[in-house]
Amino acid sequence: MTLIEKIPTLSDAELKTLLSNARRLDVTGTPDQRRQVAEVITPLEREASRRRAKTARR
């Protein structure tokens, strides 16, 4: 299972930590790390946004 496939199964805390780390590496990471982050940051952002919207509807 890839990281992208695991995103929906992450706890809120795990998602928050992973997204925070991805954002940090997107700015300060090596070129290779930044390429890897580019593959997962959009799905992470989408999942975080989906969860925020779900919480706001309650």
N, C-alpha and C. Protein backbone atom coordinates (compact mmCIF):
# COMPACT_ATOMS: atom_id res chain seq x y z
N MET A 1 0.85 -1.17 0.00
CA MET A 1 0.00 0.00 0.00
C MET A 1 0.90 1.24 0.00
N THR A 2 0.60 2.18 -0.87
CA THR A 2 1.38 3.40 -0.95
C THR A 2 0.92 4.40 0.10
N LEU A 3 1.72 5.42 0.31
CA LEU A 3 1.35 6.46 1.27
C LEU A 3 0.05 7.13 0.84
N ILE A 4 -0.10 7.39 -0.42
CA ILE A 4 -1.32 8.05 -0.90
C ILE A 4 -2.55 7.19 -0.60
N GLU A 5 -2.41 5.89 -0.73
CA GLU A 5 -3.52 4.98 -0.42
C GLU A 5 -3.83 4.95 1.08
N LYS A 6 -2.83 5.19 1.90
CA LYS A 6 -3.01 5.15 3.35
C LYS A 6 -3.62 6.43 3.93
N ILE A 7 -3.57 7.52 3.20
CA ILE A 7 -4.02 8.81 3.72
C ILE A 7 -5.42 8.75 4.35
N PRO A 8 -6.42 8.17 3.69
CA PRO A 8 -7.76 8.15 4.31
C PRO A 8 -7.83 7.37 5.62
N THR A 9 -6.88 6.48 5.85
CA THR A 9 -6.91 5.66 7.07
C THR A 9 -6.13 6.28 8.23
N LEU A 10 -5.44 7.38 7.98
CA LEU A 10 -4.65 8.02 9.03
C LEU A 10 -5.57 8.66 10.07
N SER A 11 -5.11 8.67 11.30
CA SER A 11 -5.85 9.41 12.33
C SER A 11 -5.68 10.90 12.06
N ASP A 12 -6.50 11.72 12.68
CA ASP A 12 -6.38 13.16 12.51
C ASP A 12 -4.99 13.64 12.93
N ALA A 13 -4.48 13.11 14.02
CA ALA A 13 -3.16 13.51 14.52
C ALA A 13 -2.06 13.10 13.53
N GLU A 14 -2.17 11.90 12.98
CA GLU A 14 -1.18 11.43 12.00
C GLU A 14 -1.22 12.30 10.75
N LEU A 15 -2.42 12.62 10.30
CA LEU A 15 -2.57 13.47 9.11
C LEU A 15 -1.97 14.84 9.36
N LYS A 16 -2.25 15.41 10.52
CA LYS A 16 -1.73 16.73 10.85
C LYS A 16 -0.20 16.73 10.87
N THR A 17 0.38 15.70 11.48
CA THR A 17 1.84 15.61 11.56
C THR A 17 2.46 15.42 10.18
N LEU A 18 1.89 14.53 9.39
CA LEU A 18 2.42 14.27 8.06
C LEU A 18 2.31 15.51 7.17
N LEU A 19 1.20 16.20 7.25
CA LEU A 19 1.02 17.41 6.45
C LEU A 19 2.00 18.50 6.88
N SER A 20 2.19 18.63 8.18
CA SER A 20 3.15 19.61 8.69
C SER A 20 4.56 19.31 8.19
N ASN A 21 4.94 18.05 8.26
CA ASN A 21 6.27 17.65 7.79
C ASN A 21 6.41 17.86 6.29
N ALA A 22 5.37 17.56 5.53
CA ALA A 22 5.41 17.75 4.08
C ALA A 22 5.56 19.22 3.74
N ARG A 23 4.83 20.07 4.42
CA ARG A 23 4.94 21.52 4.17
C ARG A 23 6.34 22.01 4.48
N ARG A 24 6.92 21.52 5.58
CA ARG A 24 8.27 21.94 5.98
C ARG A 24 9.29 21.48 4.93
N LEU A 25 9.20 20.22 4.53
CA LEU A 25 10.15 19.70 3.54
C LEU A 25 9.98 20.35 2.17
N ASP A 26 8.78 20.80 1.87
CA ASP A 26 8.54 21.48 0.59
C ASP A 26 9.33 22.78 0.52
N VAL A 27 9.63 23.35 1.67
CA VAL A 27 10.38 24.61 1.72
C VAL A 27 11.87 24.37 2.00
N THR A 28 12.17 23.47 2.92
CA THR A 28 13.55 23.33 3.38
C THR A 28 14.22 22.03 2.96
N GLY A 29 13.51 21.16 2.29
CA GLY A 29 14.05 19.85 1.93
C GLY A 29 15.04 19.90 0.78
N THR A 30 15.72 18.79 0.62
CA THR A 30 16.63 18.65 -0.52
C THR A 30 15.79 18.57 -1.79
N PRO A 31 16.41 18.74 -2.95
CA PRO A 31 15.63 18.61 -4.19
C PRO A 31 14.89 17.28 -4.30
N ASP A 32 15.52 16.19 -3.86
CA ASP A 32 14.85 14.89 -3.92
C ASP A 32 13.65 14.84 -2.97
N GLN A 33 13.81 15.37 -1.76
CA GLN A 33 12.70 15.41 -0.80
C GLN A 33 11.57 16.27 -1.34
N ARG A 34 11.90 17.37 -1.96
CA ARG A 34 10.87 18.26 -2.51
C ARG A 34 10.11 17.59 -3.64
N ARG A 35 10.78 16.79 -4.45
CA ARG A 35 10.10 16.04 -5.51
C ARG A 35 9.14 15.01 -4.91
N GLN A 36 9.59 14.34 -3.86
CA GLN A 36 8.74 13.35 -3.21
C GLN A 36 7.52 14.00 -2.56
N VAL A 37 7.73 15.14 -1.92
CA VAL A 37 6.63 15.87 -1.29
C VAL A 37 5.62 16.32 -2.34
N ALA A 38 6.10 16.72 -3.49
CA ALA A 38 5.20 17.19 -4.54
C ALA A 38 4.17 16.13 -4.92
N GLU A 39 4.52 14.86 -4.75
CA GLU A 39 3.61 13.77 -5.10
C GLU A 39 2.50 13.57 -4.07
N VAL A 40 2.76 13.92 -2.82
CA VAL A 40 1.79 13.61 -1.77
C VAL A 40 1.11 14.83 -1.14
N ILE A 41 1.64 16.02 -1.35
CA ILE A 41 1.10 17.17 -0.63
C ILE A 41 -0.34 17.49 -1.05
N THR A 42 -0.66 17.37 -2.31
CA THR A 42 -2.03 17.66 -2.75
C THR A 42 -3.04 16.68 -2.15
N PRO A 43 -2.77 15.37 -2.20
CA PRO A 43 -3.71 14.46 -1.55
C PRO A 43 -3.82 14.69 -0.04
N LEU A 44 -2.71 15.05 0.61
CA LEU A 44 -2.76 15.36 2.05
C LEU A 44 -3.63 16.58 2.31
N GLU A 45 -3.43 17.62 1.52
CA GLU A 45 -4.22 18.85 1.66
C GLU A 45 -5.70 18.57 1.43
N ARG A 46 -6.01 17.77 0.42
CA ARG A 46 -7.42 17.45 0.12
C ARG A 46 -8.08 16.72 1.29
N GLU A 47 -7.37 15.76 1.86
CA GLU A 47 -7.93 14.99 2.97
C GLU A 47 -8.12 15.89 4.19
N ALA A 48 -7.16 16.75 4.47
CA ALA A 48 -7.29 17.67 5.61
C ALA A 48 -8.47 18.60 5.39
N SER A 49 -8.63 19.10 4.18
CA SER A 49 -9.74 19.98 3.86
C SER A 49 -11.08 19.25 3.99
N ARG A 50 -11.13 18.01 3.51
CA ARG A 50 -12.36 17.22 3.61
C ARG A 50 -12.75 17.02 5.06
N ARG A 51 -11.77 16.74 5.91
CA ARG A 51 -12.06 16.51 7.33
C ARG A 51 -12.49 17.80 8.02
N ARG A 52 -11.89 18.93 7.65
CA ARG A 52 -12.32 20.21 8.23
C ARG A 52 -13.75 20.52 7.85
N ALA A 53 -14.10 20.28 6.59
CA ALA A 53 -15.47 20.54 6.12
C ALA A 53 -16.46 19.63 6.83
N LYS A 54 -16.09 18.38 7.03
CA LYS A 54 -16.95 17.43 7.72
C LYS A 54 -17.19 17.89 9.15
N THR A 55 -16.15 18.36 9.82
CA THR A 55 -16.26 18.84 11.20
C THR A 55 -17.11 20.11 11.25
N ALA A 56 -16.97 20.98 10.27
CA ALA A 56 -17.73 22.24 10.27
C ALA A 56 -19.21 22.00 10.06
N ARG A 57 -19.59 20.93 9.39
CA ARG A 57 -21.01 20.63 9.15
C ARG A 57 -21.72 20.10 10.39
N ARG A 58 -20.97 19.68 11.36
CA ARG A 58 -21.58 19.08 12.56
C ARG A 58 -22.20 20.12 13.44
